[in-house]
Amino acid sequence: MEFLCKVCGRREGEPHDWHLVIEMGKPGTSISNTIFIFDQWDERRASGANATCFCSAECREKYLSVRHQQLVA
């Protein structure tokens, strides 16, 4: 399986040092709330529909900053 960094677009087949965020939908809305932030790679969770993958902590933080702004706007 190949994984794609949500921020920079980097692709990797074995992203062992990558980061992972799991987002779940808020019932009745189009809002997703970030609920789990993993510093260690978990391929099983990364393969899930609610997973967002990042090649670095920098990309993860960029994404979370944008998501925070979207959620509080």
Protein backbone atom coordinates (compact mmCIF):
# COMPACT_ATOMS: atom_id res chain seq x y z
CA MET A 1 0.00 0.00 0.00
CA GLU A 2 1.22 3.52 -0.76
CA PHE A 3 0.61 6.46 1.58
CA LEU A 4 0.38 10.14 0.63
CA CYS A 5 1.37 13.10 2.83
CA LYS A 6 -1.72 15.32 3.06
CA VAL A 7 0.38 18.52 3.07
CA CYS A 8 3.33 18.16 0.70
CA GLY A 9 2.16 15.21 -1.42
CA ARG A 10 5.15 12.98 -0.74
CA ARG A 11 4.38 9.29 -1.39
CA GLU A 12 5.82 6.35 0.49
CA GLY A 13 5.27 2.62 0.46
CA GLU A 14 6.78 2.00 3.91
CA PRO A 15 6.39 5.24 5.91
CA HIS A 16 7.73 4.02 9.28
CA ASP A 17 8.71 7.48 10.58
CA TRP A 18 5.54 9.21 9.44
CA HIS A 19 2.83 10.77 11.61
CA LEU A 20 -0.85 10.03 11.72
CA VAL A 21 -4.02 11.95 12.60
CA ILE A 22 -7.41 10.27 12.90
CA GLU A 23 -10.44 12.52 12.36
CA MET A 24 -14.02 11.61 13.10
CA GLY A 25 -17.13 13.33 11.77
CA LYS A 26 -19.48 15.29 13.99
CA PRO A 27 -22.98 13.80 13.54
CA GLY A 28 -25.40 16.02 11.65
CA THR A 29 -22.71 18.35 10.27
CA SER A 30 -19.89 18.42 7.73
CA ILE A 31 -17.41 19.21 10.53
CA SER A 32 -14.57 16.80 11.32
CA ASN A 33 -12.92 17.00 14.70
CA THR A 34 -9.35 15.82 15.20
CA ILE A 35 -9.47 13.32 18.01
CA PHE A 36 -6.29 11.24 17.83
CA ILE A 37 -2.77 12.42 17.01
CA PHE A 38 -0.18 9.65 16.75
CA ASP A 39 3.57 10.28 16.80
CA GLN A 40 4.32 6.69 15.90
CA TRP A 41 3.31 5.12 12.62
CA ASP A 42 0.50 2.56 12.74
CA GLU A 43 -0.18 1.07 9.30
CA ARG A 44 -3.47 -0.51 10.35
CA ARG A 45 -4.87 2.82 11.53
CA ALA A 46 -3.28 4.68 8.60
CA SER A 47 -5.26 2.48 6.22
CA GLY A 48 -8.58 3.57 7.75
CA ALA A 49 -11.03 5.94 6.08
CA ASN A 50 -10.60 8.60 8.81
CA ALA A 51 -6.79 8.62 8.70
CA THR A 52 -4.64 11.48 7.46
CA CYS A 53 -0.92 10.80 6.94
CA PHE A 54 2.07 13.15 7.21
CA CYS A 55 5.70 12.61 6.25
CA SER A 56 6.99 14.90 9.03
CA ALA A 57 6.01 16.69 12.22
CA GLU A 58 6.24 19.95 10.27
CA CYS A 59 3.61 18.80 7.74
CA ARG A 60 1.41 17.51 10.56
CA GLU A 61 1.59 20.84 12.40
CA LYS A 62 0.79 22.81 9.22
CA TYR A 63 -2.28 20.65 8.66
CA LEU A 64 -3.44 20.89 12.28
CA SER A 65 -3.06 24.68 12.23
CA VAL A 66 -5.28 24.96 9.15
CA ARG A 67 -7.83 22.50 10.61
CA HIS A 68 -7.93 24.47 13.86
CA GLN A 69 -8.69 27.67 11.95
CA GLN A 70 -11.46 25.89 10.03
CA LEU A 71 -13.02 24.53 13.21
CA VAL A 72 -13.04 27.84 15.09
CA ALA A 73 -14.18 29.97 12.12
